[in-house]
Amino acid sequence: MKTDAIFYDIFQEFPSILFELIGQPNINTNTYKFIAPEIKQRSFRLDGVFSPLEVFGNQPLYFVEVQFYKDEEFYDRLFTSIFLYFSQYKPVTSEWYAIVIYDKHSNETSCPLRYRALLEPHLRCFYLDELEVVAQESLGVGIVRLVVETENRAPELAKQLIDKARLELADVLIQRKVLEFIEEIIVYKFPNFNRKEIETMLNINLLKETRVYQEAKQEAKQEAKLELLPKLVQKGLSIQEIAELLELDVEIIRKSIP
């Protein structure tokens, strides 16, 4: 599952979910902008940063990292990226937190002792598989929890979240966005299911040709067409002829030819 992209979309659209997750639900999200800055040395990129707007420069920075596999060098990269960020972007605030979101506790590695001075004041770790009670109470945290839920339990949790969204969200546009995020997670968890099967699974009829489904369907169609590419190249067809035959952009054909 494209978890980095999913979490970026979630925090971009609903930044309050991050602050709910870390136990700070009263923080004014209008204080922050959420970005994914590139760190130029060794092409480091932070998953996301809640950076206070200029007029709120005294508020803390929140570096957000999503980690769904075990990596012995994770904390080296994390703190290196953070300090390179300080060097390149020179934020005004002196207060900062590194928020690490693990799918499960077992994927956390021991933080090297050389960083021990940073742990207590700056590092906060959260484990999605341990959020069951909170997820039942909070729509936002429930959506995050859905990302790591098992395939057996995911449909039931998704149904609960859909009901919760309908009940709690009066704004139709926001409700629709929330339902799209739920759909996006389910589509990626069950890639072999079509729209009708997903609707049946969730006992709903609201995932009608939405953005996520359309994108997934178009990607699948394009991949199916590109499977024919080697045979068409062997037949001696030009890139232009192949593009016209497959009804794809010439640039896509050019990049896909080995």
Protein backbone atom coordinates (compact mmCIF):
# COMPACT_ATOMS: atom_id res chain seq x y z
CA MET A 1 0.00 0.00 0.00
CA LYS A 2 1.24 3.50 -0.79
CA THR A 3 1.21 4.48 2.86
CA ASP A 4 3.42 7.56 2.56
CA ALA A 5 1.11 9.08 -0.04
CA ILE A 6 -2.00 8.18 1.97
CA PHE A 7 -0.68 9.76 5.16
CA TYR A 8 0.49 12.85 3.29
CA ASP A 9 -3.00 13.26 1.81
CA ILE A 10 -4.66 12.71 5.18
CA PHE A 11 -2.52 15.26 7.01
CA GLN A 12 -2.71 17.71 4.10
CA GLU A 13 -6.50 17.69 4.06
CA PHE A 14 -7.16 17.10 7.76
CA PRO A 15 -4.19 18.33 9.84
CA SER A 16 -6.28 18.01 13.02
CA ILE A 17 -5.86 14.21 12.77
CA LEU A 18 -2.14 14.49 13.55
CA PHE A 19 -2.79 16.55 16.66
CA GLU A 20 -5.53 14.17 17.79
CA LEU A 21 -3.10 11.31 17.36
CA ILE A 22 -0.42 12.93 19.55
CA GLY A 23 -2.91 13.93 22.23
CA GLN A 24 -3.02 17.65 21.38
CA PRO A 25 -6.52 18.05 19.88
CA ASN A 26 -6.89 21.69 20.93
CA ILE A 27 -4.01 22.99 18.80
CA ASN A 28 -5.20 25.51 16.22
CA THR A 29 -4.30 23.92 12.86
CA ASN A 30 -4.54 27.32 11.16
CA THR A 31 -1.22 28.02 12.87
CA TYR A 32 0.54 25.56 10.57
CA LYS A 33 1.20 24.65 6.98
CA PHE A 34 1.99 21.02 6.17
CA ILE A 35 4.86 20.44 3.73
CA ALA A 36 7.23 17.67 2.60
CA PRO A 37 10.56 19.50 2.27
CA GLU A 38 13.45 18.03 0.34
CA ILE A 39 16.82 17.95 2.09
CA LYS A 40 19.39 18.39 -0.64
CA GLN A 41 22.34 16.38 0.72
CA ARG A 42 22.01 12.67 -0.20
CA SER A 43 18.46 13.45 -1.41
CA PHE A 44 16.92 13.15 2.04
CA ARG A 45 13.22 13.91 2.17
CA LEU A 46 11.17 14.26 5.31
CA ASP A 47 7.74 12.63 5.14
CA GLY A 48 6.14 15.82 6.38
CA VAL A 49 6.60 18.88 8.55
CA PHE A 50 3.99 20.92 10.34
CA SER A 51 5.73 24.26 10.10
CA PRO A 52 4.21 27.24 11.94
CA LEU A 53 3.19 30.14 9.75
CA GLU A 54 5.42 33.22 9.99
CA VAL A 55 3.02 35.08 12.28
CA PHE A 56 3.07 32.11 14.69
CA GLY A 57 6.84 31.67 14.62
CA ASN A 58 7.08 30.86 18.32
CA GLN A 59 5.02 27.67 17.94
CA PRO A 60 6.84 24.29 17.76
CA LEU A 61 7.78 22.44 14.60
CA TYR A 62 6.44 18.91 14.18
CA PHE A 63 8.51 16.57 12.01
CA VAL A 64 6.27 13.63 11.02
CA GLU A 65 7.71 10.30 9.87
CA VAL A 66 5.68 7.20 8.97
CA GLN A 67 7.64 3.97 9.45
CA PHE A 68 6.07 0.63 8.50
CA TYR A 69 9.14 -1.59 8.39
CA LYS A 70 12.17 -2.26 10.56
CA ASP A 71 15.20 -0.19 9.65
CA GLU A 72 18.32 -0.13 11.81
CA GLU A 73 19.41 3.21 10.30
CA PHE A 74 16.03 4.91 10.71
CA TYR A 75 16.96 7.18 13.62
CA ASP A 76 20.26 8.14 11.98
CA ARG A 77 18.38 9.29 8.88
CA LEU A 78 15.62 10.97 10.89
CA PHE A 79 17.85 13.14 13.05
CA THR A 80 20.26 13.82 10.18
CA SER A 81 17.34 15.05 8.06
CA ILE A 82 16.03 17.23 10.89
CA PHE A 83 19.36 18.93 11.48
CA LEU A 84 19.93 19.42 7.77
CA TYR A 85 16.47 21.00 7.68
CA PHE A 86 17.54 23.40 10.42
CA SER A 87 20.68 24.26 8.47
CA GLN A 88 18.88 24.88 5.17
CA TYR A 89 15.56 26.40 6.26
CA LYS A 90 16.65 28.14 9.50
CA PRO A 91 13.27 28.14 11.27
CA VAL A 92 12.68 30.87 13.84
CA THR A 93 11.24 28.59 16.51
CA SER A 94 13.59 26.74 18.85
CA GLU A 95 10.97 24.18 19.92
CA TRP A 96 10.50 21.02 17.87
CA TYR A 97 9.22 17.46 18.06
CA ALA A 98 9.94 14.37 15.98
CA ILE A 99 6.67 12.43 15.63
CA VAL A 100 7.20 8.84 14.47
CA ILE A 101 4.14 6.82 13.48
CA TYR A 102 4.78 3.07 13.48
CA ASP A 103 2.29 0.55 12.18
CA LYS A 104 3.26 -1.76 15.06
CA HIS A 105 5.64 -1.77 17.99
CA SER A 106 7.75 -4.60 16.60
CA ASN A 107 8.96 -2.42 13.71
CA GLU A 108 10.64 0.05 16.04
CA THR A 109 14.40 -0.25 16.37
CA SER A 110 16.45 0.84 19.36
CA CYS A 111 17.49 4.46 19.15
CA PRO A 112 21.32 4.72 19.28
CA LEU A 113 22.67 6.06 22.57
CA ARG A 114 24.33 8.96 20.75
CA TYR A 115 20.85 10.50 20.40
CA ARG A 116 19.75 9.93 24.00
CA ALA A 117 19.89 13.65 24.80
CA LEU A 118 17.19 14.19 22.15
CA LEU A 119 14.78 11.44 23.16
CA GLU A 120 12.92 12.80 26.17
CA PRO A 121 12.49 16.42 25.03
CA HIS A 122 11.91 15.81 21.31
CA LEU A 123 10.95 12.26 20.25
CA ARG A 124 7.36 11.01 20.37
CA CYS A 125 6.46 7.55 19.00
CA PHE A 126 2.95 6.25 18.27
CA TYR A 127 1.87 2.73 17.33
CA LEU A 128 -1.23 2.36 15.21
CA ASP A 129 -1.90 -1.20 16.30
CA GLU A 130 -2.32 0.07 19.87
CA LEU A 131 -4.89 2.77 19.07
CA GLU A 132 -8.02 0.63 19.08
CA VAL A 133 -9.83 2.40 21.94
CA VAL A 134 -8.94 5.88 20.73
CA ALA A 135 -9.87 4.93 17.17
CA GLN A 136 -13.37 3.97 18.29
CA GLU A 137 -13.87 7.41 19.82
CA SER A 138 -12.20 9.57 17.17
CA LEU A 139 -13.11 9.63 13.46
CA GLY A 140 -9.68 10.99 12.50
CA VAL A 141 -7.65 8.48 14.48
CA GLY A 142 -9.99 5.74 13.24
CA ILE A 143 -9.06 6.57 9.63
CA VAL A 144 -5.37 6.34 10.51
CA ARG A 145 -6.00 3.04 12.31
CA LEU A 146 -7.76 1.68 9.20
CA VAL A 147 -4.45 1.84 7.31
CA VAL A 148 -2.97 -0.95 9.44
CA GLU A 149 -6.14 -2.92 10.19
CA THR A 150 -6.18 -6.54 9.05
CA GLU A 151 -8.08 -7.44 5.90
CA ASN A 152 -10.56 -9.42 8.01
CA ARG A 153 -11.41 -6.49 10.27
CA ALA A 154 -10.90 -3.57 7.86
CA PRO A 155 -14.38 -3.71 6.24
CA GLU A 156 -16.15 -3.57 9.60
CA LEU A 157 -14.01 -0.66 10.81
CA ALA A 158 -14.59 1.14 7.49
CA LYS A 159 -18.36 0.76 7.94
CA GLN A 160 -18.13 2.20 11.45
CA LEU A 161 -16.11 5.15 10.17
CA ILE A 162 -18.59 5.79 7.35
CA ASP A 163 -21.46 5.84 9.85
CA LYS A 164 -19.46 8.10 12.14
CA ALA A 165 -18.67 10.50 9.28
CA ARG A 166 -22.33 10.70 8.29
CA LEU A 167 -23.33 11.37 11.88
CA GLU A 168 -20.63 13.86 12.88
CA LEU A 169 -19.83 15.81 9.71
CA ALA A 170 -22.50 18.32 8.73
CA ASP A 171 -20.43 19.85 5.92
CA VAL A 172 -21.17 17.76 2.81
CA LEU A 173 -17.84 18.55 1.12
CA ILE A 174 -15.79 17.58 4.17
CA GLN A 175 -17.88 14.44 4.60
CA ARG A 176 -17.22 13.52 0.99
CA LYS A 177 -13.47 14.00 1.42
CA VAL A 178 -13.48 11.79 4.50
CA LEU A 179 -15.39 9.08 2.63
CA GLU A 180 -12.87 9.32 -0.22
CA PHE A 181 -10.01 8.75 2.22
CA ILE A 182 -11.79 5.70 3.62
CA GLU A 183 -12.34 4.50 0.06
CA GLU A 184 -8.70 5.15 -0.86
CA ILE A 185 -7.45 2.99 1.98
CA ILE A 186 -9.88 0.16 1.16
CA VAL A 187 -9.00 0.28 -2.56
CA TYR A 188 -5.30 -0.11 -1.73
CA LYS A 189 -5.96 -2.84 0.85
CA PHE A 190 -8.03 -4.85 -1.66
CA PRO A 191 -6.40 -4.12 -5.05
CA ASN A 192 -8.11 -7.06 -6.76
CA PHE A 193 -11.63 -5.88 -5.90
CA ASN A 194 -13.65 -3.79 -8.34
CA ARG A 195 -15.93 -0.93 -7.34
CA LYS A 196 -19.03 -3.08 -7.08
CA GLU A 197 -17.27 -5.60 -4.84
CA ILE A 198 -16.02 -2.81 -2.55
CA GLU A 199 -19.51 -1.30 -2.34
CA THR A 200 -20.93 -4.72 -1.48
CA MET A 201 -18.21 -5.30 1.11
CA LEU A 202 -19.01 -2.03 2.86
CA ASN A 203 -22.75 -2.33 2.31
CA ILE A 204 -22.92 1.12 0.75
CA ASN A 205 -23.56 2.72 -2.60
CA LEU A 206 -21.52 5.90 -2.35
CA LEU A 207 -18.21 5.07 -4.02
CA LYS A 208 -19.56 6.13 -7.43
CA GLU A 209 -16.73 6.78 -9.84
CA THR A 210 -14.84 8.89 -7.30
CA ARG A 211 -11.37 10.29 -7.82
CA VAL A 212 -9.48 7.44 -6.14
CA TYR A 213 -11.38 4.70 -7.95
CA GLN A 214 -11.05 6.46 -11.30
CA GLU A 215 -7.30 6.91 -10.82
CA ALA A 216 -6.86 3.25 -9.84
CA LYS A 217 -8.97 2.11 -12.81
CA GLN A 218 -7.05 4.30 -15.26
CA GLU A 219 -3.73 3.03 -13.90
CA ALA A 220 -4.92 -0.57 -14.32
CA LYS A 221 -6.04 0.09 -17.91
CA GLN A 222 -2.74 1.73 -18.77
CA GLU A 223 -0.74 -1.15 -17.26
CA ALA A 224 -2.81 -3.65 -19.24
CA LYS A 225 -2.12 -1.76 -22.48
CA LEU A 226 1.61 -1.49 -21.73
CA GLU A 227 1.83 -5.27 -21.39
CA LEU A 228 1.34 -5.38 -25.17
CA LEU A 229 4.32 -3.08 -25.72
CA PRO A 230 7.08 -5.71 -26.26
CA LYS A 231 5.06 -7.49 -28.96
CA LEU A 232 4.30 -4.25 -30.79
CA VAL A 233 7.96 -3.21 -30.67
CA GLN A 234 8.96 -6.63 -32.05
CA LYS A 235 6.57 -6.09 -34.96
CA GLY A 236 8.56 -2.99 -35.84
CA LEU A 237 5.90 -0.37 -35.07
CA SER A 238 7.11 3.14 -34.39
CA ILE A 239 6.52 4.92 -31.08
CA GLN A 240 3.93 7.14 -32.75
CA GLU A 241 2.10 4.14 -34.23
CA ILE A 242 2.09 2.32 -30.89
CA ALA A 243 0.80 5.42 -29.10
CA GLU A 244 -2.07 5.78 -31.58
CA LEU A 245 -2.90 2.06 -31.42
CA LEU A 246 -2.94 1.93 -27.59
CA GLU A 247 -4.46 5.42 -27.26
CA LEU A 248 -1.69 6.51 -24.93
CA ASP A 249 0.56 9.56 -24.85
CA VAL A 250 3.75 9.27 -26.92
CA GLU A 251 5.87 10.20 -23.88
CA ILE A 252 4.39 7.33 -21.85
CA ILE A 253 5.29 4.89 -24.63
CA ARG A 254 8.80 6.30 -24.94
CA LYS A 255 9.49 5.98 -21.20
CA SER A 256 8.08 2.45 -21.07
CA ILE A 257 10.23 1.00 -23.85
CA PRO A 258 13.28 -0.75 -22.26
